[in-house]
C-alpha atoms as a PDB file:
ATOM      1  CA  MET A   1      73.828 105.961  79.927  1.00  0.00           C
ATOM      2  CA  ALA A   2      74.416 102.563  81.516  1.00  0.00           C
ATOM      3  CA  SER A   3      78.256 103.506  81.934  1.00  0.00           C
ATOM      4  CA  ASP A   4      77.597 106.840  83.619  1.00  0.00           C
ATOM      5  CA  TYR A   5      75.132 104.730  86.216  1.00  0.00           C
ATOM      6  CA  LEU A   6      77.848 102.203  86.964  1.00  0.00           C
ATOM      7  CA  ARG A   7      80.247 105.011  87.119  1.00  0.00           C
ATOM      8  CA  THR A   8      78.333 106.742  89.646  1.00  0.00           C
ATOM      9  CA  GLY A   9      77.887 103.528  91.549  1.00  0.00           C
ATOM     10  CA  PHE A  10      81.267 103.207  92.182  1.00  0.00           C
ATOM     11  CA  GLU A  11      81.865 106.344  93.544  1.00  0.00           C
ATOM     12  CA  MET A  12      79.377 106.352  95.778  1.00  0.00           C
ATOM     13  CA  MET A  13      80.885 102.856  97.013  1.00  0.00           C
ATOM     14  CA  MET A  14      84.284 104.539  97.431  1.00  0.00           C
ATOM     15  CA  LYS A  15      82.760 107.290  99.382  1.00  0.00           C
ATOM     16  CA  ARG A  16      81.270 104.962 101.814  1.00  0.00           C
ATOM     17  CA  THR A  17      84.340 102.733 101.954  1.00  0.00           C
ATOM     18  CA  ILE A  18      86.435 105.858 102.629  1.00  0.00           C
ATOM     19  CA  LEU A  19      84.288 106.823 105.286  1.00  0.00           C
ATOM     20  CA  SER A  20      84.209 103.325 106.777  1.00  0.00           C
ATOM     21  CA  ALA A  21      87.884 103.308 107.054  1.00  0.00           C
ATOM     22  CA  LEU A  22      88.027 106.912 108.617  1.00  0.00           C
ATOM     23  CA  ILE A  23      85.780 105.354 110.915  1.00  0.00           C
ATOM     24  CA  LEU A  24      87.879 102.467 111.465  1.00  0.00           C
ATOM     25  CA  LEU A  25      91.082 104.596 111.857  1.00  0.00           C
ATOM     26  CA  ALA A  26      89.728 107.218 114.239  1.00  0.00           C
ATOM     27  CA  ALA A  27      89.075 104.004 116.449  1.00  0.00           C
ATOM     28  CA  SER A  28      92.196 102.791 116.469  1.00  0.00           C
ATOM     29  CA  SER A  29      94.132 102.123 119.745  1.00  0.00           C
ATOM     30  CA  THR A  30      96.039 104.442 120.983  1.00  0.00           C
ATOM     31  CA  ALA A  31      99.034 102.312 121.916  1.00  0.00           C
ATOM     32  CA  TRP A  32     102.434 102.482 119.964  1.00  0.00           C
ATOM     33  CA  GLY A  33     102.016 101.040 116.626  1.00  0.00           C
ATOM     34  CA  ARG A  34     100.764 104.508 114.291  1.00  0.00           C
ATOM     35  CA  SER A  35     102.968 105.867 111.642  1.00  0.00           C
ATOM     36  CA  VAL A  36     102.485 108.459 109.044  1.00  0.00           C
ATOM     37  CA  ALA A  37     104.922 108.276 105.936  1.00  0.00           C
ATOM     38  CA  ILE A  38     105.415 111.033 103.660  1.00  0.00           C
ATOM     39  CA  ASP A  39     107.763 110.977 100.516  1.00  0.00           C
ATOM     40  CA  MET A  40     108.170 113.239  97.835  1.00  0.00           C
ATOM     41  CA  HIS A  41     109.665 114.082  94.314  1.00  0.00           C
ATOM     42  CA  ASN A  42     109.744 116.884  92.225  1.00  0.00           C
ATOM     43  CA  GLU A  43     106.031 116.098  90.601  1.00  0.00           C
ATOM     44  CA  ALA A  44     104.509 113.378  93.522  1.00  0.00           C
ATOM     45  CA  LEU A  45     103.563 113.526  97.023  1.00  0.00           C
ATOM     46  CA  GLY A  46     102.993 110.505  98.607  1.00  0.00           C
ATOM     47  CA  ILE A  47     101.609 109.942 102.163  1.00  0.00           C
ATOM     48  CA  ASN A  48     100.664 106.604 103.994  1.00  0.00           C
ATOM     49  CA  TYR A  49      99.085 105.775 107.479  1.00  0.00           C
ATOM     50  CA  VAL A  50      99.690 102.677 109.377  1.00  0.00           C
ATOM     51  CA  ASN A  51      98.013 101.534 112.438  1.00  0.00           C
ATOM     52  CA  SER A  52      99.357  98.177 113.042  1.00  0.00           C
ATOM     53  CA  GLU A  53      96.745  97.385 116.046  1.00  0.00           C
ATOM     54  CA  SER A  54      93.235  98.706 114.984  1.00  0.00           C
ATOM     55  CA  MET A  55      90.918  98.212 118.069  1.00  0.00           C
ATOM     56  CA  LEU A  56      87.750  97.271 115.593  1.00  0.00           C
ATOM     57  CA  ILE A  57      89.395  94.148 113.948  1.00  0.00           C
ATOM     58  CA  LYS A  58      91.615  92.280 116.156  1.00  0.00           C
ATOM     59  CA  GLY A  59      95.443  91.180 114.941  1.00  0.00           C
ATOM     60  CA  MET A  60      95.196  93.234 111.822  1.00  0.00           C
ATOM     61  CA  GLY A  61      96.320  96.639 110.851  1.00  0.00           C
ATOM     62  CA  VAL A  62      94.755  99.312 109.087  1.00  0.00           C
ATOM     63  CA  GLU A  63      96.028 101.718 106.291  1.00  0.00           C
ATOM     64  CA  ALA A  64      95.133 104.913 104.214  1.00  0.00           C
ATOM     65  CA  GLY A  65      97.295 106.195 101.919  1.00  0.00           C
ATOM     66  CA  LEU A  66      97.075 108.795  98.597  1.00  0.00           C
ATOM     67  CA  LEU A  67     100.078 109.606  95.600  1.00  0.00           C
ATOM     68  CA  MET A  68      99.278 113.087  94.571  1.00  0.00           C
ATOM     69  CA  ARG A  69     100.574 114.021  91.454  1.00  0.00           C
ATOM     70  CA  GLU A  70     100.601 117.512  89.629  1.00  0.00           C
ATOM     71  CA  SER A  71      97.693 118.364  87.863  1.00  0.00           C
ATOM     72  CA  GLN A  72      96.361 115.173  88.140  1.00  0.00           C
ATOM     73  CA  LYS A  73      93.579 113.162  90.424  1.00  0.00           C
ATOM     74  CA  PRO A  74      95.386 111.519  93.454  1.00  0.00           C
ATOM     75  CA  LEU A  75      95.743 107.374  93.652  1.00  0.00           C
ATOM     76  CA  ILE A  76      93.736 106.558  96.854  1.00  0.00           C
ATOM     77  CA  HIS A  77      94.223 103.596  98.950  1.00  0.00           C
ATOM     78  CA  LEU A  78      92.929 101.588 101.592  1.00  0.00           C
ATOM     79  CA  GLY A  79      94.208  98.278 103.343  1.00  0.00           C
ATOM     80  CA  LEU A  80      94.130  95.531 105.893  1.00  0.00           C
ATOM     81  CA  SER A  81      97.211  93.559 106.541  1.00  0.00           C
ATOM     82  CA  VAL A  82      98.588  91.182 109.051  1.00  0.00           C
ATOM     83  CA  ALA A  83     101.997  91.430 110.134  1.00  0.00           C
ATOM     84  CA  GLY A  84     105.117  89.760 112.153  1.00  0.00           C
ATOM     85  CA  LYS A  85     108.849  89.346 112.562  1.00  0.00           C
ATOM     86  CA  ASN A  86     111.082  86.779 111.562  1.00  0.00           C
ATOM     87  CA  LEU A  87     114.626  86.694 113.846  1.00  0.00           C
ATOM     88  CA  SER A  88     117.707  85.317 112.403  1.00  0.00           C
ATOM     89  CA  GLN A  89     121.409  85.686 112.851  1.00  0.00           C
ATOM     90  CA  GLN A  90     121.895  87.867 109.835  1.00  0.00           C
ATOM     91  CA  GLY A  91     119.207  90.404 111.276  1.00  0.00           C
ATOM     92  CA  THR A  92     115.547  91.139 111.689  1.00  0.00           C
ATOM     93  CA  VAL A  93     112.691  90.936 108.623  1.00  0.00           C
ATOM     94  CA  ASP A  94     109.660  92.256 109.648  1.00  0.00           C
ATOM     95  CA  ILE A  95     106.907  91.072 107.182  1.00  0.00           C
ATOM     96  CA  SER A  96     103.541  92.405 106.551  1.00  0.00           C
ATOM     97  CA  LEU A  97     100.796  90.827 104.081  1.00  0.00           C
ATOM     98  CA  GLY A  98      97.075  91.588 103.052  1.00  0.00           C
ATOM     99  CA  GLY A  99      94.977  93.442 100.480  1.00  0.00           C
ATOM    100  CA  ARG A 100      94.090  97.311  99.222  1.00  0.00           C
ATOM    101  CA  LEU A 101      91.260  98.959  97.802  1.00  0.00           C
ATOM    102  CA  TYR A 102      92.551 101.272  95.540  1.00  0.00           C
ATOM    103  CA  ASN A 103      90.365 104.058  93.543  1.00  0.00           C
ATOM    104  CA  TYR A 104      91.954 106.517  90.726  1.00  0.00           C
ATOM    105  CA  ARG A 105      90.405 108.493  88.008  1.00  0.00           C
ATOM    106  CA  GLY A 106      92.905 109.606  85.786  1.00  0.00           C
ATOM    107  CA  ASP A 107      92.886 110.723  81.556  1.00  0.00           C
ATOM    108  CA  ASN A 108      92.411 107.105  80.355  1.00  0.00           C
ATOM    109  CA  GLY A 109      89.427 106.546  82.549  1.00  0.00           C
ATOM    110  CA  SER A 110      88.599 105.670  86.226  1.00  0.00           C
ATOM    111  CA  LEU A 111      89.066 102.331  88.382  1.00  0.00           C
ATOM    112  CA  THR A 112      88.460 100.692  91.816  1.00  0.00           C
ATOM    113  CA  ALA A 113      90.900  97.836  92.174  1.00  0.00           C
ATOM    114  CA  ILE A 114      91.212  95.319  94.928  1.00  0.00           C
ATOM    115  CA  ALA A 115      95.068  94.447  95.291  1.00  0.00           C
ATOM    116  CA  LEU A 116      96.854  91.323  97.278  1.00  0.00           C
ATOM    117  CA  GLY A 117     100.487  92.071  98.300  1.00  0.00           C
ATOM    118  CA  GLY A 118     102.886  93.180 100.775  1.00  0.00           C
ATOM    119  CA  LYS A 119     105.817  94.460 102.777  1.00  0.00           C
ATOM    120  CA  VAL A 120     109.098  93.273 103.759  1.00  0.00           C
ATOM    121  CA  ARG A 121     111.895  95.490 106.099  1.00  0.00           C
ATOM    122  CA  PHE A 122     115.008  93.656 106.098  1.00  0.00           C
ATOM    123  CA  SER A 123     117.447  95.227 108.974  1.00  0.00           C
ATOM    124  CA  PRO A 124     120.969  94.134 108.669  1.00  0.00           C
ATOM    125  CA  MET A 125     122.058  96.096 111.400  1.00  0.00           C
ATOM    126  CA  THR A 126     120.601  98.467 114.194  1.00  0.00           C
ATOM    127  CA  ARG A 127     118.979 101.552 112.714  1.00  0.00           C
ATOM    128  CA  VAL A 128     119.096 100.935 109.216  1.00  0.00           C
ATOM    129  CA  GLY A 129     116.590  99.063 107.047  1.00  0.00           C
ATOM    130  CA  LEU A 130     115.946  97.678 103.061  1.00  0.00           C
ATOM    131  CA  ASN A 131     112.493  98.132 102.263  1.00  0.00           C
ATOM    132  CA  ALA A 132     110.080  96.638  99.659  1.00  0.00           C
ATOM    133  CA  HIS A 133     106.270  96.337  98.881  1.00  0.00           C
ATOM    134  CA  LEU A 134     104.468  95.022  96.174  1.00  0.00           C
ATOM    135  CA  TYR A 135     100.635  95.013  95.340  1.00  0.00           C
ATOM    136  CA  PHE A 136      99.185  93.544  92.586  1.00  0.00           C
ATOM    137  CA  SER A 137      95.873  93.742  91.123  1.00  0.00           C
ATOM    138  CA  PRO A 138      94.789  91.549  88.070  1.00  0.00           C
ATOM    139  CA  ASP A 139      91.837  91.746  85.609  1.00  0.00           C
ATOM    140  CA  ILE A 140      89.210  89.828  87.651  1.00  0.00           C
ATOM    141  CA  THR A 141      89.601  92.229  90.637  1.00  0.00           C
ATOM    142  CA  THR A 142      90.295  95.750  88.761  1.00  0.00           C
ATOM    143  CA  PHE A 143      86.661  97.475  87.983  1.00  0.00           C
ATOM    144  CA  GLY A 144      85.898 100.648  85.815  1.00  0.00           C
ATOM    145  CA  ASP A 145      88.150 101.187  82.758  1.00  0.00           C
ATOM    146  CA  ALA A 146      90.967  99.626  83.705  1.00  0.00           C
ATOM    147  CA  ASN A 147      92.229  95.958  83.109  1.00  0.00           C
ATOM    148  CA  GLY A 148      94.752  95.914  86.061  1.00  0.00           C
ATOM    149  CA  LEU A 149      97.273  97.617  88.601  1.00  0.00           C
ATOM    150  CA  ASN A 150     100.761  97.023  89.890  1.00  0.00           C
ATOM    151  CA  GLU A 151     102.262  99.027  92.622  1.00  0.00           C
ATOM    152  CA  PHE A 152     106.186  98.281  93.613  1.00  0.00           C
ATOM    153  CA  VAL A 153     108.503 100.383  96.186  1.00  0.00           C
ATOM    154  CA  VAL A 154     111.945  99.558  96.979  1.00  0.00           C
ATOM    155  CA  SER A 155     113.594 102.146  99.734  1.00  0.00           C
ATOM    156  CA  ALA A 156     116.241 102.332 102.314  1.00  0.00           C
ATOM    157  CA  ASP A 157     115.740 103.918 105.735  1.00  0.00           C
ATOM    158  CA  TYR A 158     117.879 105.091 108.681  1.00  0.00           C
ATOM    159  CA  GLN A 159     116.304 105.707 112.182  1.00  0.00           C
ATOM    160  CA  VAL A 160     117.217 109.119 112.851  1.00  0.00           C
ATOM    161  CA  ILE A 161     115.545 109.174 116.491  1.00  0.00           C
ATOM    162  CA  PRO A 162     113.527 106.640 117.817  1.00  0.00           C
ATOM    163  CA  GLN A 163     110.303 108.031 116.317  1.00  0.00           C
ATOM    164  CA  ALA A 164     111.845 109.114 113.245  1.00  0.00           C
ATOM    165  CA  PHE A 165     112.997 107.606 110.194  1.00  0.00           C
ATOM    166  CA  ALA A 166     114.423 109.160 107.008  1.00  0.00           C
ATOM    167  CA  TYR A 167     114.479 107.043 103.670  1.00  0.00           C
ATOM    168  CA  ILE A 168     114.958 107.113  99.908  1.00  0.00           C
ATOM    169  CA  GLY A 169     113.493 105.314  97.382  1.00  0.00           C
ATOM    170  CA  SER A 170     111.792 104.356  94.043  1.00  0.00           C
ATOM    171  CA  ARG A 171     107.970 103.810  93.384  1.00  0.00           C
ATOM    172  CA  HIS A 172     106.614 102.355  90.304  1.00  0.00           C
ATOM    173  CA  VAL A 173     102.778 102.551  89.602  1.00  0.00           C
ATOM    174  CA  THR A 174     101.176 101.335  86.560  1.00  0.00           C
ATOM    175  CA  VAL A 175      97.752 101.380  85.446  1.00  0.00           C
ATOM    176  CA  LYS A 176      96.772  98.801  82.558  1.00  0.00           C
ATOM    177  CA  TYR A 177      93.668  99.969  80.378  1.00  0.00           C
ATOM    178  CA  PRO A 178      92.803  98.072  77.172  1.00  0.00           C
ATOM    179  CA  GLY A 179      95.798  99.210  74.571  1.00  0.00           C
ATOM    180  CA  VAL A 180      97.819 101.083  76.534  1.00  0.00           C
ATOM    181  CA  THR A 181      99.731 101.228  80.082  1.00  0.00           C
ATOM    182  CA  SER A 182      99.503 104.146  82.166  1.00  0.00           C
ATOM    183  CA  THR A 183     102.753 104.643  84.264  1.00  0.00           C
ATOM    184  CA  LEU A 184     101.183 107.049  87.274  1.00  0.00           C
ATOM    185  CA  ASP A 185     104.551 107.230  88.976  1.00  0.00           C
ATOM    186  CA  LYS A 186     108.366 106.052  87.944  1.00  0.00           C
ATOM    187  CA  LYS A 187     110.810 108.194  89.705  1.00  0.00           C
ATOM    188  CA  LEU A 188     113.050 108.532  93.184  1.00  0.00           C
ATOM    189  CA  PHE A 189     111.915 109.780  95.873  1.00  0.00           C
ATOM    190  CA  VAL A 190     112.818 111.284  99.507  1.00  0.00           C
ATOM    191  CA  GLY A 191     110.854 111.004 102.776  1.00  0.00           C
ATOM    192  CA  MET A 192     110.136 110.388 106.509  1.00  0.00           C
ATOM    193  CA  LYS A 193     108.559 107.883 108.489  1.00  0.00           C
ATOM    194  CA  LEU A 194     107.221 109.469 112.214  1.00  0.00           C
ATOM    195  CA  LEU A 195     106.171 106.976 114.951  1.00  0.00           C
ATOM    196  CA  PHE A 196     103.844 107.726 117.642  1.00  0.00           C
END
């Protein structure tokens, strides 16, 4: 009875959080700096929206995304981050650091997780980039039935036209439950990123 009450409370909190994030995204600036990335393989579809210059949170980027798998509930995330460039003789490095709020309901239970991490894109030459991102939520910031969540993605992209990239990569997402670790995704994917 108490666990059902807590679960209902978490679900209501997530709905409010998602609504708040949608309001933030809707109020985001119209300046160049928004993107939508869509990637897929035979069993999963990933979608991620990023606005690097939100009007309501000066200096911070906002993002929202989901990972949909066949016959499963989606893994949803909302995030805040700061980003910048590091120029060197070897190429350009774009770095983003921040946090994400994840929500998921699977066969082994549901979770709400606060994860810290970031993204790196290294461009050794014009139009080509190598990317990686890692987000980690330990037991202390993972609520519900799970004890932790990890998401690790590596990819390589090519800028086909000024407003579009094509990329290929691999995503590894795991959720730790008591006594078992569930792998939500661990496959190669192809995708595209559109800037607007």
